[in-house]
Amino acid sequence: MTLNIQQVLISDPVDPICSQILQDYGMNVTYARQWTKERLLQEIQNYEVLIVRSETKVTDDVLAAAPKLRLVGRAGTGLDNVDISAATRRGVLVMNTPGGNTISAAEHTCAMIAALSRHIPQACAALKNGTWDRKTYMGNELHGKTLAILGLGRIGREVAIRMQAFGMKTIGYDPVIEKQAAAEFGVDKMELEEIWPLADYITVHTPYIPQTHHLISTSALMRCKPSVRIINIARGGIVDETALLDALNSARCQGAALDVFVQEPPKEGTITWQLIQHPRVVCTPHLGASTVEAQERVAREIAEQLIDLVEGRQAVGIANAPNLARSMVGRNKPWMQLAQALGHLANSLAEGSLDRCPSGTETTVELICCGEGTEDVNLLASSALVGHLNGMKANGINIVNAAILARDVGVTISTRHVGSSKYLSIVQDLEKLLQLTVARGPFNIQLIGSVQGGNPVLYAINGCWFPFGATLSGNVLLFNGKQPDTTLTALVGALVASGVGVSAVMCTPPGASCWLALRTADVFQNPQKLNGPDATFIAQLVF
């Protein structure tokens, strides 16, 4: 997947280092602070990249208005202001900076735990109002208490390390982290049901996704100690605000420290507003990442990650394309190119035979990857679908959205890897190959290709073999004919007469069907005009 980025739009307050790095690289950057949504919808059609913080909501209508958009970059961690599903369907990459605000968020969490334990904000406010009251604000030590950390990623780990220095016992939950890995940074990993009755403090550090919605709920709070304290510096919605307010009012929760809310900013009279006003709640207006250092770090990282992606060096922070990083591995690239070429060729052949099937007939695609170096079947399957579906969408098919769009049009794909070609019924001895089969109703198309010298090579079409393969490089015109000798003479003559040089000709042996591949120096405009009684144009492949 190649990204050609020229125009970048920054629509939220992002440290100037971001635009400076991108401009130094040669990109044109527009800073659109305080644009209305109407203006954003009008202007975004001109940009390939949109960089946001948390103010801009990248919804489906914004994405629909941006046919050139290739990437949405979030200078920060949370992605709840980006419609990832809609972006994926439109082939738009979503990138964040997963480590940029880790330290700031962890430090803010620790500060909130300490403030909650010692009633620091309430005592400060009382003193400023002229009240000297030491008894009311009697606090608790953190030493010896149990801190439960829900989410043991970057921020959760840093919180654990810092709070262990206070003498706290740290336990935690994470569905991904192994128990042994958690133990390496001093956390005893447990299941949630084990955690609730043990925790004196519970802090959440998970993304806000369906699985974490109301992770701390009424039922969870009922299982906790009545002295438990809840801390949320992650995302609003992970803690059930109604359940938390009820627990505070009924003495089933000792206190809460909240930096994030379901509604930001909150409106007067809402549950969020009532929580903020509660005397045992310490709160801040989403300041977890609000440090000078974090803002500069995420701005720098989003710019550098974008440049790394454009340069093909690495894919850091991509949230919706698990294949992308593997697509940058050098040994995968020629096999991806081959898979895409086979998919495109299968689609060109399908325009004839397969399109004669009744509307609604399901298309099945089978990709068999054979030999060493072809093990990444999901990546190669996505590449084959890119080739097969190319042209059905204005702003392109890519490995981000190929699988989704294939399902939309009734294409199902199956893949498998075999160690040797002896498991396949082929007449040539190829150690490594891809076999792509496309079927719809009674019609069937089968293509076989391999990689030789770093170049994709087509070997067979429906059982007709090119004796030495047809190298797919440069510009290749593919025809189906009758007699190779007379057909080749006619085609080469027509191309030369049109001023197009032919650098190589490849054909299958004479038979009921003969396939001819001609490599030319330039793309040939309107190749269909070369159709004649002995040859039919099938596809033009450009590499």
Protein backbone atom coordinates (compact mmCIF):
# COMPACT_ATOMS: atom_id res chain seq x y z
CA MET A 1 0.00 0.00 0.00
CA THR A 2 1.70 3.17 -1.22
CA LEU A 3 0.91 6.54 0.31
CA ASN A 4 1.59 9.68 -1.71
CA ILE A 5 0.97 12.51 0.73
CA GLN A 6 1.15 16.16 -0.27
CA GLN A 7 -1.66 17.94 1.60
CA VAL A 8 -2.10 17.66 5.39
CA LEU A 9 -4.87 19.30 7.43
CA ILE A 10 -4.46 19.85 11.19
CA SER A 11 -7.88 20.68 12.65
CA ASP A 12 -7.16 20.71 16.41
CA PRO A 13 -4.56 22.44 18.61
CA VAL A 14 -1.40 20.41 17.99
CA ASP A 15 2.07 21.54 19.02
CA PRO A 16 3.79 23.45 16.15
CA ILE A 17 6.58 20.87 16.01
CA CYS A 18 4.18 18.63 14.08
CA SER A 19 3.67 21.01 11.17
CA GLN A 20 7.36 21.96 11.23
CA ILE A 21 8.50 18.35 10.80
CA LEU A 22 5.98 17.69 8.02
CA GLN A 23 6.82 20.90 6.17
CA ASP A 24 10.54 20.19 6.42
CA TYR A 25 9.79 16.83 4.79
CA GLY A 26 8.05 18.61 1.91
CA MET A 27 4.37 18.31 2.79
CA ASN A 28 1.95 21.22 2.60
CA VAL A 29 0.29 21.74 5.99
CA THR A 30 -2.87 23.73 6.71
CA TYR A 31 -3.70 24.61 10.33
CA ALA A 32 -7.48 24.88 10.57
CA ARG A 33 -8.05 25.91 14.16
CA GLN A 34 -11.72 26.66 14.98
CA TRP A 35 -13.14 25.68 11.61
CA THR A 36 -16.84 24.96 11.77
CA LYS A 37 -17.94 21.47 10.79
CA GLU A 38 -19.56 22.94 7.68
CA ARG A 39 -16.25 24.41 6.55
CA LEU A 40 -14.43 21.19 7.39
CA LEU A 41 -16.87 19.23 5.21
CA GLN A 42 -16.31 21.70 2.40
CA GLU A 43 -12.50 21.86 2.56
CA ILE A 44 -11.46 18.33 3.51
CA GLN A 45 -11.89 17.10 -0.07
CA ASN A 46 -8.48 18.64 -0.81
CA TYR A 47 -6.45 16.70 1.77
CA GLU A 48 -4.84 13.27 2.01
CA VAL A 49 -4.19 13.40 5.77
CA LEU A 50 -6.25 14.78 8.66
CA ILE A 51 -4.50 15.22 12.02
CA VAL A 52 -6.68 15.75 15.10
CA ARG A 53 -6.54 15.77 18.88
CA SER A 54 -9.90 15.18 20.60
CA GLU A 55 -12.03 18.17 19.52
CA THR A 56 -12.66 17.18 15.88
CA LYS A 57 -15.14 14.33 15.51
CA VAL A 58 -14.13 12.29 12.48
CA THR A 59 -17.54 10.87 11.64
CA ASP A 60 -18.74 9.03 8.56
CA ASP A 61 -20.01 12.23 6.93
CA VAL A 62 -16.56 13.80 7.32
CA LEU A 63 -14.95 10.74 5.75
CA ALA A 64 -17.52 10.70 2.94
CA ALA A 65 -16.61 14.29 2.06
CA ALA A 66 -12.91 13.36 1.71
CA PRO A 67 -12.35 11.24 -1.42
CA LYS A 68 -8.57 11.85 -1.30
CA LEU A 69 -8.17 11.07 2.41
CA ARG A 70 -5.72 8.25 3.08
CA LEU A 71 -5.04 8.63 6.81
CA VAL A 72 -6.49 10.11 9.99
CA GLY A 73 -3.81 10.79 12.58
CA ARG A 74 -4.72 11.19 16.24
CA ALA A 75 -2.03 13.07 18.18
CA GLY A 76 -2.77 11.13 21.33
CA THR A 77 -3.97 7.71 22.41
CA GLY A 78 -7.77 7.56 22.52
CA LEU A 79 -9.66 7.07 19.26
CA ASP A 80 -13.25 7.43 20.44
CA ASN A 81 -13.61 10.62 18.36
CA VAL A 82 -12.80 8.70 15.16
CA ASP A 83 -15.31 6.38 13.47
CA ILE A 84 -12.80 3.58 12.89
CA SER A 85 -15.36 1.29 11.24
CA ALA A 86 -16.34 3.93 8.69
CA ALA A 87 -12.69 4.80 8.04
CA THR A 88 -11.82 1.15 7.48
CA ARG A 89 -14.69 0.68 5.03
CA ARG A 90 -13.43 3.66 3.03
CA GLY A 91 -9.85 2.39 3.04
CA VAL A 92 -8.61 5.19 5.30
CA LEU A 93 -5.87 4.34 7.78
CA VAL A 94 -6.31 5.41 11.40
CA MET A 95 -3.13 6.15 13.35
CA ASN A 96 -2.54 7.20 16.94
CA THR A 97 0.52 7.80 19.11
CA PRO A 98 0.23 4.96 21.62
CA GLY A 99 3.12 6.00 23.84
CA GLY A 100 3.16 9.76 23.54
CA ASN A 101 1.20 10.67 26.66
CA THR A 102 2.00 7.59 28.77
CA ILE A 103 4.11 9.36 31.39
CA SER A 104 1.76 12.32 31.74
CA ALA A 105 -1.33 10.12 32.11
CA ALA A 106 0.43 7.87 34.62
CA GLU A 107 1.63 10.82 36.69
CA HIS A 108 -1.84 12.36 36.67
CA THR A 109 -3.29 9.06 37.87
CA CYS A 110 -0.83 8.90 40.75
CA ALA A 111 -1.54 12.52 41.68
CA MET A 112 -5.29 11.84 41.69
CA ILE A 113 -4.85 8.76 43.90
CA ALA A 114 -2.86 10.81 46.40
CA ALA A 115 -5.31 13.73 46.25
CA LEU A 116 -8.24 11.35 46.77
CA SER A 117 -6.56 9.66 49.73
CA ARG A 118 -5.72 12.92 51.55
CA HIS A 119 -8.69 15.13 50.46
CA ILE A 120 -6.24 17.68 49.10
CA PRO A 121 -8.61 19.61 46.76
CA GLN A 122 -11.36 19.88 49.40
CA ALA A 123 -8.94 20.97 52.14
CA CYS A 124 -7.35 23.52 49.81
CA ALA A 125 -10.74 24.98 48.86
CA ALA A 126 -11.80 25.18 52.51
CA LEU A 127 -8.61 26.93 53.54
CA LYS A 128 -8.92 29.45 50.71
CA ASN A 129 -12.43 30.17 51.97
CA GLY A 130 -11.05 30.92 55.44
CA THR A 131 -11.78 27.59 57.14
CA TRP A 132 -8.99 25.98 59.17
CA ASP A 133 -10.37 22.41 59.58
CA ARG A 134 -7.95 19.56 60.23
CA LYS A 135 -10.49 17.06 61.57
CA THR A 136 -12.87 16.96 58.61
CA TYR A 137 -10.09 16.19 56.14
CA MET A 138 -8.51 13.27 57.97
CA GLY A 139 -7.02 11.06 55.24
CA ASN A 140 -5.58 7.58 54.72
CA GLU A 141 -2.09 6.32 53.99
CA LEU A 142 -1.46 4.61 50.66
CA HIS A 143 1.21 2.38 52.16
CA GLY A 144 -0.05 -1.17 52.55
CA LYS A 145 -3.20 -0.61 50.53
CA THR A 146 -4.14 -2.68 47.47
CA LEU A 147 -4.33 -0.91 44.11
CA ALA A 148 -6.18 -2.76 41.34
CA ILE A 149 -5.16 -1.71 37.84
CA LEU A 150 -7.61 -2.64 35.09
CA GLY A 151 -5.59 -2.52 31.87
CA LEU A 152 -1.90 -3.37 32.06
CA GLY A 153 -0.67 -1.61 28.95
CA ARG A 154 1.82 1.25 28.85
CA ILE A 155 -0.02 3.56 31.27
CA GLY A 156 -1.12 0.81 33.63
CA ARG A 157 2.46 -0.43 33.95
CA GLU A 158 3.83 3.02 34.70
CA VAL A 159 1.15 3.58 37.35
CA ALA A 160 2.04 0.25 38.96
CA ILE A 161 5.75 1.08 39.13
CA ARG A 162 5.11 4.50 40.69
CA MET A 163 2.53 3.40 43.22
CA GLN A 164 4.70 0.49 44.33
CA ALA A 165 7.14 3.17 45.49
CA PHE A 166 4.38 4.32 47.88
CA GLY A 167 4.28 0.83 49.33
CA MET A 168 1.04 -0.20 47.63
CA LYS A 169 0.34 -3.80 46.68
CA THR A 170 -0.56 -3.87 42.97
CA ILE A 171 -2.94 -6.38 41.44
CA GLY A 172 -4.43 -6.14 37.96
CA TYR A 173 -6.50 -7.44 35.11
CA ASP A 174 -5.83 -7.50 31.37
CA PRO A 175 -7.25 -10.01 28.87
CA VAL A 176 -4.06 -9.92 26.79
CA ILE A 177 -1.15 -9.71 29.22
CA GLU A 178 0.08 -13.05 30.58
CA LYS A 179 0.34 -13.54 34.35
CA GLN A 180 4.13 -14.00 34.15
CA ALA A 181 4.54 -10.81 32.08
CA ALA A 182 2.53 -8.82 34.65
CA ALA A 183 4.66 -10.24 37.45
CA GLU A 184 7.76 -8.79 35.77
CA PHE A 185 6.59 -5.26 36.71
CA GLY A 186 5.25 -6.25 40.11
CA VAL A 187 1.56 -6.84 39.36
CA ASP A 188 -0.31 -9.95 40.41
CA LYS A 189 -2.67 -10.61 37.52
CA MET A 190 -6.12 -11.85 38.53
CA GLU A 191 -9.58 -12.25 37.10
CA LEU A 192 -12.09 -9.47 37.74
CA GLU A 193 -14.15 -11.55 40.13
CA GLU A 194 -11.05 -12.03 42.28
CA ILE A 195 -10.15 -8.35 42.20
CA TRP A 196 -13.39 -6.71 43.35
CA PRO A 197 -13.31 -7.83 47.03
CA LEU A 198 -9.57 -7.20 47.42
CA ALA A 199 -9.11 -3.69 46.04
CA ASP A 200 -8.83 -0.55 48.16
CA TYR A 201 -8.34 1.56 45.02
CA ILE A 202 -9.35 0.68 41.45
CA THR A 203 -7.90 2.58 38.49
CA VAL A 204 -8.88 1.90 34.88
CA HIS A 205 -6.50 2.17 31.93
CA THR A 206 -8.32 0.46 29.07
CA PRO A 207 -9.61 1.80 25.75
CA TYR A 208 -13.31 2.55 25.59
CA ILE A 209 -14.72 -0.23 23.43
CA PRO A 210 -17.91 -2.34 23.69
CA GLN A 211 -16.10 -4.85 25.89
CA THR A 212 -15.12 -2.16 28.44
CA HIS A 213 -18.43 -0.24 28.47
CA HIS A 214 -19.47 0.01 32.15
CA LEU A 215 -16.59 -2.24 33.17
CA ILE A 216 -17.15 -0.81 36.66
CA SER A 217 -20.88 -1.33 37.09
CA THR A 218 -23.44 -1.69 39.88
CA SER A 219 -22.74 -5.42 40.15
CA ALA A 220 -18.98 -4.81 40.31
CA LEU A 221 -19.33 -2.13 43.00
CA MET A 222 -21.59 -4.41 45.03
CA ARG A 223 -18.72 -6.91 45.24
CA CYS A 224 -16.18 -4.29 46.35
CA LYS A 225 -15.29 -3.12 49.85
CA PRO A 226 -17.46 -0.19 50.99
CA SER A 227 -14.19 1.72 51.46
CA VAL A 228 -13.16 1.30 47.81
CA ARG A 229 -12.08 4.34 45.79
CA ILE A 230 -12.46 4.55 41.99
CA ILE A 231 -10.08 6.40 39.65
CA ASN A 232 -10.75 6.95 35.95
CA ILE A 233 -8.18 8.80 33.85
CA ALA A 234 -8.93 6.71 30.73
CA ARG A 235 -12.27 7.36 29.02
CA GLY A 236 -15.78 8.25 30.05
CA GLY A 237 -18.16 5.31 29.87
CA ILE A 238 -15.78 2.73 31.29
CA VAL A 239 -17.22 3.57 34.71
CA ASP A 240 -21.03 3.52 34.94
CA GLU A 241 -21.58 7.04 36.24
CA THR A 242 -25.09 6.30 37.55
CA ALA A 243 -23.82 3.24 39.42
CA LEU A 244 -20.90 5.21 40.86
CA LEU A 245 -23.15 8.07 42.04
CA ASP A 246 -25.53 5.59 43.69
CA ALA A 247 -22.59 3.86 45.42
CA LEU A 248 -21.23 7.18 46.73
CA ASN A 249 -24.65 8.23 48.02
CA SER A 250 -25.28 4.87 49.71
CA ALA A 251 -21.82 4.60 51.34
CA ARG A 252 -20.79 1.66 49.12
CA CYS A 253 -17.89 3.68 47.72
CA GLN A 254 -15.60 5.94 49.74
CA GLY A 255 -14.64 8.29 46.94
CA ALA A 256 -13.74 8.78 43.28
CA ALA A 257 -11.16 10.68 41.23
CA LEU A 258 -12.36 11.40 37.71
CA ASP A 259 -10.64 13.10 34.79
CA VAL A 260 -12.96 11.85 32.04
CA PHE A 261 -16.73 11.78 31.70
CA VAL A 262 -19.52 10.49 29.50
CA GLN A 263 -20.39 14.08 28.61
CA GLU A 264 -17.56 16.56 28.07
CA PRO A 265 -18.07 19.29 29.04
CA PRO A 266 -20.94 18.22 31.33
CA LYS A 267 -24.28 19.98 31.33
CA GLU A 268 -25.94 21.16 34.51
CA GLY A 269 -28.43 18.69 35.94
CA THR A 270 -26.98 15.57 34.33
CA ILE A 271 -25.59 12.56 36.19
CA THR A 272 -22.11 13.70 35.20
CA TRP A 273 -22.78 17.12 36.73
CA GLN A 274 -24.04 15.54 39.96
CA LEU A 275 -20.90 13.40 40.18
CA ILE A 276 -18.65 16.43 39.76
CA GLN A 277 -20.52 18.27 42.54
CA HIS A 278 -20.29 15.33 44.96
CA PRO A 279 -18.14 16.17 48.01
CA ARG A 280 -16.20 12.91 47.84
CA VAL A 281 -15.27 13.28 44.17
CA VAL A 282 -11.98 14.79 43.03
CA CYS A 283 -12.23 15.85 39.40
CA THR A 284 -10.29 17.52 36.60
CA PRO A 285 -11.39 18.50 33.06
CA HIS A 286 -9.68 15.75 31.01
CA LEU A 287 -6.13 16.79 31.89
CA GLY A 288 -4.48 13.36 31.76
CA ALA A 289 -2.34 14.24 28.74
CA SER A 290 -2.29 18.00 29.32
CA THR A 291 1.38 18.62 29.93
CA VAL A 292 3.77 20.62 27.79
CA GLU A 293 5.95 17.54 27.40
CA ALA A 294 3.13 15.22 26.33
CA GLN A 295 1.70 17.68 23.83
CA GLU A 296 5.07 18.15 22.17
CA ARG A 297 5.78 14.41 22.27
CA VAL A 298 2.52 13.33 20.60
CA ALA A 299 2.86 16.09 17.99
CA ARG A 300 6.37 14.98 17.15
CA GLU A 301 5.45 11.30 17.14
CA ILE A 302 2.42 11.64 14.84
CA ALA A 303 4.55 13.55 12.32
CA GLU A 304 7.45 11.10 12.49
CA GLN A 305 5.14 8.06 12.31
CA LEU A 306 3.47 9.52 9.20
CA ILE A 307 6.82 10.07 7.51
CA ASP A 308 7.99 6.55 8.44
CA LEU A 309 4.80 5.18 6.87
CA VAL A 310 5.23 7.20 3.66
CA GLU A 311 8.86 6.08 3.45
CA GLY A 312 7.82 2.45 3.95
CA ARG A 313 10.03 2.03 7.02
CA GLN A 314 7.47 0.98 9.62
CA ALA A 315 3.79 1.24 10.53
CA VAL A 316 3.51 2.40 14.16
CA GLY A 317 0.17 3.20 15.75
CA ILE A 318 -2.05 1.87 12.95
CA ALA A 319 -5.36 0.91 14.54
CA ASN A 320 -7.30 -0.62 11.65
CA ALA A 321 -4.87 -2.45 9.34
CA PRO A 322 -3.11 -5.39 11.03
CA ASN A 323 -1.59 -6.42 7.68
CA LEU A 324 0.06 -3.08 7.02
CA ALA A 325 3.27 -3.59 8.99
CA ARG A 326 3.81 -6.98 7.33
CA SER A 327 3.25 -5.45 3.91
CA MET A 328 6.44 -3.42 4.47
CA VAL A 329 8.59 -6.51 4.92
CA GLY A 330 10.80 -6.75 1.83
CA ARG A 331 10.31 -10.45 1.15
CA ASN A 332 6.51 -10.06 1.19
CA LYS A 333 6.34 -7.31 -1.43
CA PRO A 334 6.85 -9.37 -4.64
CA TRP A 335 4.37 -11.99 -3.40
CA MET A 336 1.85 -9.24 -2.67
CA GLN A 337 2.42 -7.85 -6.15
CA LEU A 338 1.87 -11.32 -7.61
CA ALA A 339 -1.32 -11.88 -5.60
CA GLN A 340 -2.70 -8.51 -6.68
CA ALA A 341 -1.82 -9.20 -10.32
CA LEU A 342 -3.51 -12.60 -10.20
CA GLY A 343 -6.59 -11.02 -8.60
CA HIS A 344 -6.74 -8.33 -11.28
CA LEU A 345 -6.27 -10.87 -14.05
CA ALA A 346 -8.99 -13.10 -12.58
CA ASN A 347 -11.35 -10.13 -12.54
CA SER A 348 -10.55 -9.33 -16.18
CA LEU A 349 -11.27 -12.93 -17.17
CA ALA A 350 -14.40 -12.93 -15.01
CA GLU A 351 -15.89 -10.03 -16.96
CA GLY A 352 -16.56 -12.55 -19.67
CA SER A 353 -17.46 -15.95 -18.28
CA LEU A 354 -18.46 -15.16 -14.71
CA ASP A 355 -20.67 -12.25 -15.63
CA ARG A 356 -22.95 -14.64 -17.50
CA CYS A 357 -24.11 -16.02 -14.15
CA PRO A 358 -27.46 -14.87 -12.72
CA SER A 359 -27.36 -11.77 -10.57
CA GLY A 360 -26.77 -12.57 -6.92
CA THR A 361 -24.69 -15.67 -7.58
CA GLU A 362 -21.98 -15.89 -4.93
CA THR A 363 -18.36 -15.60 -6.01
CA THR A 364 -15.82 -17.72 -4.15
CA VAL A 365 -12.11 -17.01 -4.18
CA GLU A 366 -9.60 -19.61 -3.03
CA LEU A 367 -5.94 -18.75 -2.54
CA ILE A 368 -3.44 -21.54 -1.93
CA CYS A 369 0.01 -20.36 -0.90
CA CYS A 370 2.75 -22.89 -1.39
CA GLY A 371 6.32 -22.95 -0.11
CA GLU A 372 8.60 -20.91 2.10
CA GLY A 373 7.97 -17.17 2.10
CA THR A 374 4.25 -17.46 1.36
CA GLU A 375 3.10 -18.19 4.91
CA ASP A 376 1.33 -14.85 5.44
CA VAL A 377 -1.88 -16.03 3.80
CA ASN A 378 -4.08 -13.23 5.19
CA LEU A 379 -1.83 -10.53 3.77
CA LEU A 380 -1.68 -12.24 0.37
CA ALA A 381 -5.44 -12.84 0.37
CA SER A 382 -6.02 -9.13 0.99
CA SER A 383 -3.67 -8.31 -1.88
CA ALA A 384 -5.55 -10.69 -4.20
CA LEU A 385 -8.85 -9.04 -3.25
CA VAL A 386 -7.35 -5.60 -3.94
CA GLY A 387 -6.59 -6.73 -7.48
CA HIS A 388 -9.91 -8.51 -7.94
CA LEU A 389 -12.06 -5.63 -6.69
CA ASN A 390 -10.00 -2.73 -8.03
CA GLY A 391 -12.08 -0.11 -9.79
CA MET A 392 -15.31 -0.58 -7.84
CA LYS A 393 -14.60 2.41 -5.55
CA ALA A 394 -13.64 5.97 -6.45
CA ASN A 395 -10.89 6.41 -3.88
CA GLY A 396 -9.52 2.92 -4.31
CA ILE A 397 -9.41 -0.52 -2.77
CA ASN A 398 -6.53 -1.32 -0.46
CA ILE A 399 -5.57 -3.88 2.16
CA VAL A 400 -7.44 -1.82 4.78
CA ASN A 401 -10.90 -2.35 3.30
CA ALA A 402 -10.58 -5.18 0.76
CA ALA A 403 -12.04 -7.93 2.98
CA ILE A 404 -15.00 -5.77 4.06
CA LEU A 405 -15.87 -4.64 0.54
CA ALA A 406 -15.50 -8.20 -0.77
CA ARG A 407 -18.20 -9.34 1.65
CA ASP A 408 -20.39 -6.43 0.57
CA VAL A 409 -20.43 -7.65 -3.04
CA GLY A 410 -20.86 -11.33 -2.20
CA VAL A 411 -17.24 -12.44 -2.56
CA THR A 412 -16.04 -14.99 -0.01
CA ILE A 413 -12.40 -15.98 0.24
CA SER A 414 -10.65 -18.99 1.73
CA THR A 415 -6.91 -19.38 2.17
CA ARG A 416 -4.47 -22.07 3.16
CA HIS A 417 -0.75 -22.67 3.14
CA VAL A 418 0.94 -25.89 2.02
CA GLY A 419 4.59 -26.68 2.43
CA SER A 420 5.16 -28.22 -0.99
CA SER A 421 3.63 -28.19 -4.48
CA LYS A 422 3.41 -31.99 -4.35
CA TYR A 423 0.10 -31.44 -2.55
CA LEU A 424 -1.26 -29.67 -5.64
CA SER A 425 -2.16 -31.11 -9.03
CA ILE A 426 0.19 -29.10 -11.22
CA VAL A 427 2.30 -30.20 -14.17
CA GLN A 428 5.34 -28.05 -13.47
CA ASP A 429 7.69 -28.44 -10.56
CA LEU A 430 7.52 -25.13 -8.70
CA GLU A 431 8.77 -24.99 -5.12
CA LYS A 432 6.95 -21.75 -4.34
CA LEU A 433 3.72 -20.56 -5.92
CA LEU A 434 0.32 -18.98 -5.49
CA GLN A 435 -2.75 -20.69 -6.93
CA LEU A 436 -5.81 -18.45 -7.20
CA THR A 437 -9.17 -19.94 -8.10
CA VAL A 438 -12.28 -17.82 -8.68
CA ALA A 439 -15.63 -19.56 -9.10
CA ARG A 440 -19.15 -18.37 -9.68
CA GLY A 441 -21.87 -20.83 -10.50
CA PRO A 442 -20.58 -23.33 -13.10
CA PHE A 443 -17.72 -21.08 -14.21
CA ASN A 444 -14.22 -21.45 -12.84
CA ILE A 445 -10.95 -19.53 -13.38
CA GLN A 446 -7.62 -20.80 -12.07
CA LEU A 447 -4.31 -18.92 -12.17
CA ILE A 448 -0.88 -20.04 -11.01
CA GLY A 449 2.07 -17.73 -10.45
CA SER A 450 5.38 -17.52 -8.65
CA VAL A 451 8.20 -15.10 -7.90
CA GLN A 452 11.48 -15.36 -9.78
CA GLY A 453 14.36 -12.93 -9.25
CA GLY A 454 12.12 -10.69 -7.19
CA ASN A 455 9.57 -10.36 -10.02
CA PRO A 456 6.08 -11.89 -10.16
CA VAL A 457 5.71 -14.48 -12.91
CA LEU A 458 2.47 -15.87 -14.37
CA TYR A 459 2.75 -19.58 -15.14
CA ALA A 460 -0.71 -20.92 -15.94
CA ILE A 461 -4.22 -19.85 -16.89
CA ASN A 462 -6.90 -22.55 -16.63
CA GLY A 463 -4.37 -25.31 -17.16
CA CYS A 464 -2.56 -23.62 -20.06
CA TRP A 465 1.11 -23.23 -19.05
CA PHE A 466 3.69 -20.71 -20.16
CA PRO A 467 6.76 -22.95 -20.61
CA PHE A 468 9.12 -20.40 -19.08
CA GLY A 469 6.55 -18.23 -17.35
CA ALA A 470 5.36 -14.75 -18.25
CA THR A 471 7.25 -12.17 -16.19
CA LEU A 472 4.88 -9.54 -14.89
CA SER A 473 7.00 -6.40 -14.92
CA GLY A 474 6.74 -3.11 -16.78
CA ASN A 475 3.60 -3.08 -18.89
CA VAL A 476 2.08 -6.42 -19.90
CA LEU A 477 -0.74 -6.93 -22.42
CA LEU A 478 -2.54 -10.27 -22.18
CA PHE A 479 -4.50 -11.77 -25.07
CA ASN A 480 -6.41 -14.98 -25.66
CA GLY A 481 -5.93 -16.36 -29.17
CA LYS A 482 -5.97 -19.40 -31.41
CA GLN A 483 -2.65 -19.98 -33.20
CA PRO A 484 0.29 -18.34 -31.38
CA ASP A 485 2.48 -17.80 -34.46
CA THR A 486 -0.02 -15.93 -36.62
CA THR A 487 -1.59 -14.18 -33.67
CA LEU A 488 1.74 -12.93 -32.32
CA THR A 489 2.79 -11.66 -35.74
CA ALA A 490 -0.44 -9.70 -36.08
CA LEU A 491 -0.29 -8.26 -32.56
CA VAL A 492 3.37 -7.25 -32.67
CA GLY A 493 2.86 -5.67 -36.04
CA ALA A 494 -0.13 -3.67 -34.81
CA LEU A 495 1.76 -2.47 -31.74
CA VAL A 496 4.85 -1.43 -33.70
CA ALA A 497 2.63 0.38 -36.22
CA SER A 498 1.14 2.29 -33.29
CA GLY A 499 4.61 3.33 -32.10
CA VAL A 500 4.72 0.93 -29.13
CA GLY A 501 7.91 -1.08 -28.66
CA VAL A 502 7.61 -4.75 -27.66
CA SER A 503 10.40 -5.96 -25.39
CA ALA A 504 9.24 -9.54 -24.78
CA VAL A 505 6.65 -12.02 -26.01
CA MET A 506 5.47 -15.06 -24.06
CA CYS A 507 2.84 -17.61 -25.05
CA THR A 508 1.38 -20.96 -24.13
CA PRO A 509 1.62 -23.91 -26.58
CA PRO A 510 -0.98 -24.24 -29.37
CA GLY A 511 -4.23 -25.84 -28.28
CA ALA A 512 -7.92 -25.19 -27.89
CA SER A 513 -6.99 -21.99 -26.13
CA CYS A 514 -3.73 -20.05 -26.40
CA TRP A 515 -2.58 -17.23 -24.14
CA LEU A 516 -0.18 -14.51 -25.21
CA ALA A 517 1.61 -11.99 -23.00
CA LEU A 518 3.47 -9.04 -24.55
CA ARG A 519 5.65 -6.72 -22.49
CA THR A 520 5.77 -3.19 -23.87
CA ALA A 521 7.78 -0.12 -22.99
CA ASP A 522 4.72 2.05 -22.50
CA VAL A 523 1.09 1.77 -21.49
CA PHE A 524 -1.00 1.17 -24.61
CA GLN A 525 -4.08 3.31 -24.90
CA ASN A 526 -7.31 1.55 -25.89
CA PRO A 527 -5.84 -1.97 -26.31
CA GLN A 528 -9.30 -3.30 -27.20
CA LYS A 529 -8.77 -1.98 -30.72
CA LEU A 530 -6.25 -4.80 -31.21
CA ASN A 531 -9.07 -7.36 -31.02
CA GLY A 532 -9.38 -9.43 -34.15
CA PRO A 533 -10.53 -12.83 -35.42
CA ASP A 534 -7.46 -14.52 -33.91
CA ALA A 535 -7.01 -12.64 -30.61
CA THR A 536 -9.08 -11.07 -27.83
CA PHE A 537 -7.65 -8.52 -25.41
CA ILE A 538 -8.03 -9.63 -21.78
CA ALA A 539 -6.06 -7.30 -19.52
CA GLN A 540 -3.31 -4.71 -19.30
CA LEU A 541 -1.16 -5.08 -16.18
CA VAL A 542 1.07 -2.18 -15.18
CA PHE A 543 3.92 -2.71 -12.69
